[in-house]
Amino acid sequence: MRARQTISTKAKDLLGLRPDLGRDLVIDFYFWTTDNGYKARMGMEESGLPHRLKLVNIRNRDQYAPEFMKISPGHKIPALVDHDGPGGQRVSLCESGAILKYLAEKSGGGLYPTDPLARLACDQWLFYGSATFTTLAQQFGHWVKRNPEVVPPAQKHYTDVLKDMLVTLNAHLAKNDYFAGAYSVADISIYADVHLHGVNDIGLDEYPHVRRWHDAIEARPAVQRAWGPHE
C-alpha cells in the first residue's frame, strides 16, 4: 500500500498516520529505477506495509543531498526510514539485500523463512543475488549497454560472465521451483537483473527453467505494481 500526496482522514487510519499514537507508522521508501531500486520496491509491495514512495533522481545527483546521505551514507538507493521500527524506534536502512530481509521479517508474510535450515538456503541465494549476480550484471550493463566507448574485451568478458551465471541459475531451477523452497527474498534479489538483462539483452531461450521462473514472478500482482508507474 503506497501513501499518496493528499491523504484523507480515513486513509490516515488505514495507512497508520495515527496522531493518538504519537508517531508516523508509514515507511518512507527512497527509490529510483535501477535494478537494486526495483528489488527493494518488489519487497515493499510484497510486504503489504504502508509506505510513501520518495523518488531520488540519480541522474540529477539527488543522492548527494545532505539529508539523504544521513539515511544512506554511501549515497545509494534504495533506502528507507521506518518510523515504527523495532521497539517503536525510528530506523533508517540502505542496501537492497538488507532492506529485503528487514521488510520480510517485519511483515511476517513468509518471504523470509523462520526455520533455521531454510534460512541458510535463503541467505545463500539472497547474498548471491545481492553480492555476485547483480554486481556482475551491472558490469555487463555498464560495458555493453551504457558505456559510450566500445571496449570489445570488456564487452565479451561480461557477456560471457552473465551467460555463465544464467547457466548456474538454470541448473538450480531445473530441480527447484524457486531458489530457496517457496518464493522468497532470495528470488527477488535475483529477479531484477534477469528481467533487465537476461530477458532483454541475452535472451532466455537457452535457459528455459530461468524463463519459467521469471514468468511466474512477473505475473505476481505485487511485482506488477513494483515495476509499474512511479510518478
C-alpha atoms as a PDB file:
ATOM      1  CA  MET A   1       0.000   0.000   0.000  1.00  0.00           C
ATOM      2  CA  ARG A   2       1.540   3.310  -1.035  1.00  0.00           C
ATOM      3  CA  ALA A   3       0.608   6.638   0.522  1.00  0.00           C
ATOM      4  CA  ARG A   4      -0.443   9.444  -1.806  1.00  0.00           C
ATOM      5  CA  GLN A   5       0.430  13.128  -1.579  1.00  0.00           C
ATOM      6  CA  THR A   6      -3.030  14.004  -0.173  1.00  0.00           C
ATOM      7  CA  ILE A   7      -4.375  11.620   2.455  1.00  0.00           C
ATOM      8  CA  SER A   8      -7.925  11.686   3.786  1.00  0.00           C
ATOM      9  CA  THR A   9      -8.730  11.219   7.468  1.00  0.00           C
ATOM     10  CA  LYS A  10      -9.992   7.698   6.830  1.00  0.00           C
ATOM     11  CA  ALA A  11      -6.878   6.881   4.821  1.00  0.00           C
ATOM     12  CA  LYS A  12      -4.725   8.186   7.670  1.00  0.00           C
ATOM     13  CA  ASP A  13      -6.180   5.494   9.904  1.00  0.00           C
ATOM     14  CA  LEU A  14      -5.662   2.838   7.241  1.00  0.00           C
ATOM     15  CA  LEU A  15      -2.123   3.946   6.481  1.00  0.00           C
ATOM     16  CA  GLY A  16      -1.045   4.281  10.083  1.00  0.00           C
ATOM     17  CA  LEU A  17      -0.886   8.067  10.404  1.00  0.00           C
ATOM     18  CA  ARG A  18      -2.277   7.998  13.928  1.00  0.00           C
ATOM     19  CA  PRO A  19      -1.692  11.191  15.891  1.00  0.00           C
ATOM     20  CA  ASP A  20      -3.026   9.492  19.009  1.00  0.00           C
ATOM     21  CA  LEU A  21      -0.080   7.109  18.858  1.00  0.00           C
ATOM     22  CA  GLY A  22       2.353   9.993  18.564  1.00  0.00           C
ATOM     23  CA  ARG A  23       4.231   8.642  15.577  1.00  0.00           C
ATOM     24  CA  ASP A  24       4.036   8.081  11.844  1.00  0.00           C
ATOM     25  CA  LEU A  25       3.645   4.395  11.005  1.00  0.00           C
ATOM     26  CA  VAL A  26       4.215   4.776   7.251  1.00  0.00           C
ATOM     27  CA  ILE A  27       7.619   3.808   5.852  1.00  0.00           C
ATOM     28  CA  ASP A  28       9.440   6.385   3.738  1.00  0.00           C
ATOM     29  CA  PHE A  29      10.841   4.431   0.793  1.00  0.00           C
ATOM     30  CA  TYR A  30      13.543   6.084  -1.331  1.00  0.00           C
ATOM     31  CA  PHE A  31      13.567   4.741  -4.879  1.00  0.00           C
ATOM     32  CA  TRP A  32      14.896   5.146  -8.377  1.00  0.00           C
ATOM     33  CA  THR A  33      14.575   2.932 -11.450  1.00  0.00           C
ATOM     34  CA  THR A  34      17.690   0.791 -11.046  1.00  0.00           C
ATOM     35  CA  ASP A  35      17.976  -2.948 -10.536  1.00  0.00           C
ATOM     36  CA  ASN A  36      18.511  -2.518  -6.812  1.00  0.00           C
ATOM     37  CA  GLY A  37      15.714   0.029  -6.634  1.00  0.00           C
ATOM     38  CA  TYR A  38      13.292  -2.390  -8.234  1.00  0.00           C
ATOM     39  CA  LYS A  39      14.381  -5.211  -5.929  1.00  0.00           C
ATOM     40  CA  ALA A  40      13.536  -3.208  -2.848  1.00  0.00           C
ATOM     41  CA  ARG A  41      10.293  -1.951  -4.355  1.00  0.00           C
ATOM     42  CA  MET A  42       9.289  -5.556  -5.062  1.00  0.00           C
ATOM     43  CA  GLY A  43       9.987  -6.373  -1.427  1.00  0.00           C
ATOM     44  CA  MET A  44       7.979  -3.360  -0.321  1.00  0.00           C
ATOM     45  CA  GLU A  45       4.973  -4.226  -2.480  1.00  0.00           C
ATOM     46  CA  GLU A  46       5.111  -7.902  -1.481  1.00  0.00           C
ATOM     47  CA  SER A  47       5.241  -6.943   2.196  1.00  0.00           C
ATOM     48  CA  GLY A  48       1.972  -5.034   2.057  1.00  0.00           C
ATOM     49  CA  LEU A  49       3.377  -2.490   4.505  1.00  0.00           C
ATOM     50  CA  PRO A  50       2.110   1.092   4.114  1.00  0.00           C
ATOM     51  CA  HIS A  51       4.741   3.348   2.581  1.00  0.00           C
ATOM     52  CA  ARG A  52       5.422   6.631   0.851  1.00  0.00           C
ATOM     53  CA  LEU A  53       7.388   6.432  -2.373  1.00  0.00           C
ATOM     54  CA  LYS A  54      10.085   9.107  -2.452  1.00  0.00           C
ATOM     55  CA  LEU A  55      11.940   9.466  -5.739  1.00  0.00           C
ATOM     56  CA  VAL A  56      15.701  10.061  -5.685  1.00  0.00           C
ATOM     57  CA  ASN A  57      16.669  11.019  -9.228  1.00  0.00           C
ATOM     58  CA  ILE A  58      20.242   9.801  -9.520  1.00  0.00           C
ATOM     59  CA  ARG A  59      20.584  11.440 -12.945  1.00  0.00           C
ATOM     60  CA  ASN A  60      20.167  14.762 -11.148  1.00  0.00           C
ATOM     61  CA  ARG A  61      22.536  13.615  -8.373  1.00  0.00           C
ATOM     62  CA  ASP A  62      19.765  13.815  -5.783  1.00  0.00           C
ATOM     63  CA  GLN A  63      21.525  11.028  -3.899  1.00  0.00           C
ATOM     64  CA  TYR A  64      24.201  13.509  -2.802  1.00  0.00           C
ATOM     65  CA  ALA A  65      21.748  15.724  -0.944  1.00  0.00           C
ATOM     66  CA  PRO A  66      22.986  16.064   2.659  1.00  0.00           C
ATOM     67  CA  GLU A  67      19.653  14.977   4.133  1.00  0.00           C
ATOM     68  CA  PHE A  68      19.565  11.844   2.007  1.00  0.00           C
ATOM     69  CA  MET A  69      23.155  10.964   2.906  1.00  0.00           C
ATOM     70  CA  LYS A  70      22.117  10.884   6.558  1.00  0.00           C
ATOM     71  CA  ILE A  71      19.916   7.940   5.572  1.00  0.00           C
ATOM     72  CA  SER A  72      22.255   6.353   3.035  1.00  0.00           C
ATOM     73  CA  PRO A  73      25.875   7.304   3.842  1.00  0.00           C
ATOM     74  CA  GLY A  74      27.138   5.700   0.629  1.00  0.00           C
ATOM     75  CA  HIS A  75      24.762   7.929  -1.404  1.00  0.00           C
ATOM     76  CA  LYS A  76      22.998   4.914  -2.893  1.00  0.00           C
ATOM     77  CA  ILE A  77      19.406   3.952  -3.445  1.00  0.00           C
ATOM     78  CA  PRO A  78      17.299   2.204  -2.316  1.00  0.00           C
ATOM     79  CA  ALA A  79      16.881   3.304   1.269  1.00  0.00           C
ATOM     80  CA  LEU A  80      14.081   3.570   3.790  1.00  0.00           C
ATOM     81  CA  VAL A  81      13.090   5.204   7.039  1.00  0.00           C
ATOM     82  CA  ASP A  82      10.739   3.236   9.265  1.00  0.00           C
ATOM     83  CA  HIS A  83       9.211   5.470  11.918  1.00  0.00           C
ATOM     84  CA  ASP A  84       7.925   2.410  13.763  1.00  0.00           C
ATOM     85  CA  GLY A  85      10.937   0.111  13.733  1.00  0.00           C
ATOM     86  CA  PRO A  86      11.927  -2.438  16.380  1.00  0.00           C
ATOM     87  CA  GLY A  87      10.800  -1.269  19.796  1.00  0.00           C
ATOM     88  CA  GLY A  88       8.906   1.602  18.177  1.00  0.00           C
ATOM     89  CA  GLN A  89      12.184   3.272  17.271  1.00  0.00           C
ATOM     90  CA  ARG A  90      12.838   5.228  14.095  1.00  0.00           C
ATOM     91  CA  VAL A  91      15.306   3.315  11.934  1.00  0.00           C
ATOM     92  CA  SER A  92      16.944   4.066   8.601  1.00  0.00           C
ATOM     93  CA  LEU A  93      18.285   1.390   6.308  1.00  0.00           C
ATOM     94  CA  CYS A  94      20.096   1.155   2.985  1.00  0.00           C
ATOM     95  CA  GLU A  95      21.377  -1.723   0.797  1.00  0.00           C
ATOM     96  CA  SER A  96      18.784  -3.698  -1.129  1.00  0.00           C
ATOM     97  CA  GLY A  97      19.545  -7.060   0.471  1.00  0.00           C
ATOM     98  CA  ALA A  98      19.248  -5.665   3.987  1.00  0.00           C
ATOM     99  CA  ILE A  99      16.009  -3.904   3.032  1.00  0.00           C
ATOM    100  CA  LEU A 100      14.520  -7.085   1.569  1.00  0.00           C
ATOM    101  CA  LYS A 101      15.313  -9.053   4.719  1.00  0.00           C
ATOM    102  CA  TYR A 102      14.020  -6.307   7.014  1.00  0.00           C
ATOM    103  CA  LEU A 103      10.713  -5.893   5.191  1.00  0.00           C
ATOM    104  CA  ALA A 104      10.140  -9.648   5.005  1.00  0.00           C
ATOM    105  CA  GLU A 105      10.760 -10.103   8.721  1.00  0.00           C
ATOM    106  CA  LYS A 106       8.685  -7.079   9.696  1.00  0.00           C
ATOM    107  CA  SER A 107       5.687  -8.071   7.583  1.00  0.00           C
ATOM    108  CA  GLY A 108       5.833 -11.762   8.503  1.00  0.00           C
ATOM    109  CA  GLY A 109       4.417 -12.722   5.141  1.00  0.00           C
ATOM    110  CA  GLY A 110       6.664 -15.726   4.556  1.00  0.00           C
ATOM    111  CA  LEU A 111       9.190 -14.119   2.231  1.00  0.00           C
ATOM    112  CA  TYR A 112      11.934 -14.879   4.757  1.00  0.00           C
ATOM    113  CA  PRO A 113      11.675 -18.311   6.398  1.00  0.00           C
ATOM    114  CA  THR A 114      11.631 -18.854  10.141  1.00  0.00           C
ATOM    115  CA  ASP A 115      13.166 -22.340  10.107  1.00  0.00           C
ATOM    116  CA  PRO A 116      16.965 -22.111  10.678  1.00  0.00           C
ATOM    117  CA  LEU A 117      17.868 -24.556   7.896  1.00  0.00           C
ATOM    118  CA  ALA A 118      15.517 -22.870   5.444  1.00  0.00           C
ATOM    119  CA  ARG A 119      17.077 -19.529   6.366  1.00  0.00           C
ATOM    120  CA  LEU A 120      20.523 -20.819   5.450  1.00  0.00           C
ATOM    121  CA  ALA A 121      19.329 -21.715   1.966  1.00  0.00           C
ATOM    122  CA  CYS A 122      17.546 -18.402   1.619  1.00  0.00           C
ATOM    123  CA  ASP A 123      20.564 -16.422   2.837  1.00  0.00           C
ATOM    124  CA  GLN A 124      22.866 -18.209   0.400  1.00  0.00           C
ATOM    125  CA  TRP A 125      20.844 -17.142  -2.642  1.00  0.00           C
ATOM    126  CA  LEU A 126      19.927 -13.741  -1.201  1.00  0.00           C
ATOM    127  CA  PHE A 127      23.618 -12.933  -0.839  1.00  0.00           C
ATOM    128  CA  TYR A 128      24.420 -14.478  -4.208  1.00  0.00           C
ATOM    129  CA  GLY A 129      21.834 -12.223  -5.803  1.00  0.00           C
ATOM    130  CA  SER A 130      22.966  -9.136  -3.918  1.00  0.00           C
ATOM    131  CA  ALA A 131      26.740  -9.567  -3.947  1.00  0.00           C
ATOM    132  CA  THR A 132      27.507 -11.659  -7.029  1.00  0.00           C
ATOM    133  CA  PHE A 133      24.747 -11.709  -9.617  1.00  0.00           C
ATOM    134  CA  THR A 134      23.748  -8.064  -9.504  1.00  0.00           C
ATOM    135  CA  THR A 135      27.318  -6.807  -9.157  1.00  0.00           C
ATOM    136  CA  LEU A 136      28.457  -8.622 -12.286  1.00  0.00           C
ATOM    137  CA  ALA A 137      25.241  -7.927 -14.193  1.00  0.00           C
ATOM    138  CA  GLN A 138      25.826  -4.232 -13.519  1.00  0.00           C
ATOM    139  CA  GLN A 139      29.250  -4.552 -15.120  1.00  0.00           C
ATOM    140  CA  PHE A 140      27.545  -6.063 -18.160  1.00  0.00           C
ATOM    141  CA  GLY A 141      25.139  -3.137 -18.181  1.00  0.00           C
ATOM    142  CA  HIS A 142      27.990  -0.640 -17.995  1.00  0.00           C
ATOM    143  CA  TRP A 143      30.292  -2.100 -20.635  1.00  0.00           C
ATOM    144  CA  VAL A 144      27.723  -3.490 -23.050  1.00  0.00           C
ATOM    145  CA  LYS A 145      24.761  -1.107 -22.713  1.00  0.00           C
ATOM    146  CA  ARG A 146      25.794   2.293 -21.381  1.00  0.00           C
ATOM    147  CA  ASN A 147      29.484   3.000 -21.888  1.00  0.00           C
ATOM    148  CA  PRO A 148      29.894   5.238 -24.965  1.00  0.00           C
ATOM    149  CA  GLU A 149      33.345   3.788 -25.609  1.00  0.00           C
ATOM    150  CA  VAL A 150      33.387   0.409 -27.339  1.00  0.00           C
ATOM    151  CA  VAL A 151      35.744  -1.913 -25.442  1.00  0.00           C
ATOM    152  CA  PRO A 152      35.407  -5.379 -27.046  1.00  0.00           C
ATOM    153  CA  PRO A 153      37.409  -7.357 -24.433  1.00  0.00           C
ATOM    154  CA  ALA A 154      35.287  -5.988 -21.574  1.00  0.00           C
ATOM    155  CA  GLN A 155      32.069  -6.481 -23.524  1.00  0.00           C
ATOM    156  CA  LYS A 156      32.933 -10.096 -24.320  1.00  0.00           C
ATOM    157  CA  HIS A 157      34.088 -10.823 -20.778  1.00  0.00           C
ATOM    158  CA  TYR A 158      30.965  -9.578 -19.038  1.00  0.00           C
ATOM    159  CA  THR A 159      28.650 -11.093 -21.630  1.00  0.00           C
ATOM    160  CA  ASP A 160      30.315 -14.457 -21.020  1.00  0.00           C
ATOM    161  CA  VAL A 161      30.112 -13.949 -17.255  1.00  0.00           C
ATOM    162  CA  LEU A 162      26.401 -13.144 -17.392  1.00  0.00           C
ATOM    163  CA  LYS A 163      25.711 -16.176 -19.581  1.00  0.00           C
ATOM    164  CA  ASP A 164      27.671 -18.381 -17.179  1.00  0.00           C
ATOM    165  CA  MET A 165      25.618 -17.115 -14.244  1.00  0.00           C
ATOM    166  CA  LEU A 166      22.419 -17.839 -16.166  1.00  0.00           C
ATOM    167  CA  VAL A 167      23.666 -21.404 -16.652  1.00  0.00           C
ATOM    168  CA  THR A 168      24.096 -21.639 -12.868  1.00  0.00           C
ATOM    169  CA  LEU A 169      20.594 -20.319 -12.240  1.00  0.00           C
ATOM    170  CA  ASN A 170      19.084 -22.576 -14.881  1.00  0.00           C
ATOM    171  CA  ALA A 171      20.696 -25.682 -13.389  1.00  0.00           C
ATOM    172  CA  HIS A 172      19.325 -24.911  -9.931  1.00  0.00           C
ATOM    173  CA  LEU A 173      15.862 -24.099 -11.236  1.00  0.00           C
ATOM    174  CA  ALA A 174      15.760 -27.337 -13.211  1.00  0.00           C
ATOM    175  CA  LYS A 175      15.255 -29.053  -9.851  1.00  0.00           C
ATOM    176  CA  ASN A 176      13.505 -26.319  -7.880  1.00  0.00           C
ATOM    177  CA  ASP A 177      10.536 -24.047  -8.462  1.00  0.00           C
ATOM    178  CA  TYR A 178      12.306 -21.197  -6.668  1.00  0.00           C
ATOM    179  CA  PHE A 179      15.756 -20.626  -5.234  1.00  0.00           C
ATOM    180  CA  ALA A 180      15.106 -21.461  -1.597  1.00  0.00           C
ATOM    181  CA  GLY A 181      11.969 -23.531  -1.306  1.00  0.00           C
ATOM    182  CA  ALA A 182       8.960 -21.220  -1.596  1.00  0.00           C
ATOM    183  CA  TYR A 183       9.123 -17.828  -3.292  1.00  0.00           C
ATOM    184  CA  SER A 184      11.248 -15.570  -1.091  1.00  0.00           C
ATOM    185  CA  VAL A 185      13.583 -12.611  -0.893  1.00  0.00           C
ATOM    186  CA  ALA A 186      16.217 -14.859  -2.487  1.00  0.00           C
ATOM    187  CA  ASP A 187      14.214 -14.824  -5.721  1.00  0.00           C
ATOM    188  CA  ILE A 188      13.593 -11.091  -5.500  1.00  0.00           C
ATOM    189  CA  SER A 189      17.333 -10.419  -5.149  1.00  0.00           C
ATOM    190  CA  ILE A 190      17.977 -12.141  -8.497  1.00  0.00           C
ATOM    191  CA  TYR A 191      14.872 -11.272 -10.485  1.00  0.00           C
ATOM    192  CA  ALA A 192      15.581  -7.639 -11.368  1.00  0.00           C
ATOM    193  CA  ASP A 193      18.762  -8.271 -13.356  1.00  0.00           C
ATOM    194  CA  VAL A 194      17.307 -11.346 -15.034  1.00  0.00           C
ATOM    195  CA  HIS A 195      14.386  -9.155 -16.088  1.00  0.00           C
ATOM    196  CA  LEU A 196      16.567  -6.268 -17.262  1.00  0.00           C
ATOM    197  CA  HIS A 197      19.463  -8.101 -18.901  1.00  0.00           C
ATOM    198  CA  GLY A 198      18.525 -11.754 -19.190  1.00  0.00           C
ATOM    199  CA  VAL A 199      15.215 -11.148 -20.943  1.00  0.00           C
ATOM    200  CA  ASN A 200      16.089  -8.036 -22.917  1.00  0.00           C
ATOM    201  CA  ASP A 201      19.786  -8.416 -23.759  1.00  0.00           C
ATOM    202  CA  ILE A 202      20.875 -12.046 -23.582  1.00  0.00           C
ATOM    203  CA  GLY A 203      17.556 -13.810 -24.152  1.00  0.00           C
ATOM    204  CA  LEU A 204      16.314 -16.787 -22.180  1.00  0.00           C
ATOM    205  CA  ASP A 205      15.754 -19.339 -24.955  1.00  0.00           C
ATOM    206  CA  GLU A 206      18.783 -21.318 -23.776  1.00  0.00           C
ATOM    207  CA  TYR A 207      17.688 -21.083 -20.145  1.00  0.00           C
ATOM    208  CA  PRO A 208      14.120 -22.477 -20.100  1.00  0.00           C
ATOM    209  CA  HIS A 209      13.973 -23.010 -16.356  1.00  0.00           C
ATOM    210  CA  VAL A 210      15.012 -19.417 -15.742  1.00  0.00           C
ATOM    211  CA  ARG A 211      12.297 -18.299 -18.169  1.00  0.00           C
ATOM    212  CA  ARG A 212       9.651 -20.343 -16.339  1.00  0.00           C
ATOM    213  CA  TRP A 213      10.784 -18.893 -13.001  1.00  0.00           C
ATOM    214  CA  HIS A 214      10.931 -15.345 -14.386  1.00  0.00           C
ATOM    215  CA  ASP A 215       7.474 -15.519 -15.939  1.00  0.00           C
ATOM    216  CA  ALA A 216       5.910 -16.884 -12.750  1.00  0.00           C
ATOM    217  CA  ILE A 217       7.333 -13.994 -10.738  1.00  0.00           C
ATOM    218  CA  GLU A 218       6.488 -11.389 -13.373  1.00  0.00           C
ATOM    219  CA  ALA A 219       2.810 -12.401 -13.140  1.00  0.00           C
ATOM    220  CA  ARG A 220       2.583 -11.672  -9.399  1.00  0.00           C
ATOM    221  CA  PRO A 221       0.365  -8.625  -8.659  1.00  0.00           C
ATOM    222  CA  ALA A 222       2.931  -7.123  -6.270  1.00  0.00           C
ATOM    223  CA  VAL A 223       5.624  -7.409  -8.933  1.00  0.00           C
ATOM    224  CA  GLN A 224       3.360  -5.741 -11.476  1.00  0.00           C
ATOM    225  CA  ARG A 225       2.894  -2.846  -9.059  1.00  0.00           C
ATOM    226  CA  ALA A 226       6.606  -2.627  -8.295  1.00  0.00           C
ATOM    227  CA  TRP A 227       7.519  -2.311 -11.972  1.00  0.00           C
ATOM    228  CA  GLY A 228       4.596  -0.040 -12.706  1.00  0.00           C
ATOM    229  CA  PRO A 229       4.238   3.768 -12.626  1.00  0.00           C
ATOM    230  CA  HIS A 230       6.227   5.626 -10.007  1.00  0.00           C
ATOM    231  CA  GLU A 231       5.325   9.259 -10.627  1.00  0.00           C
END
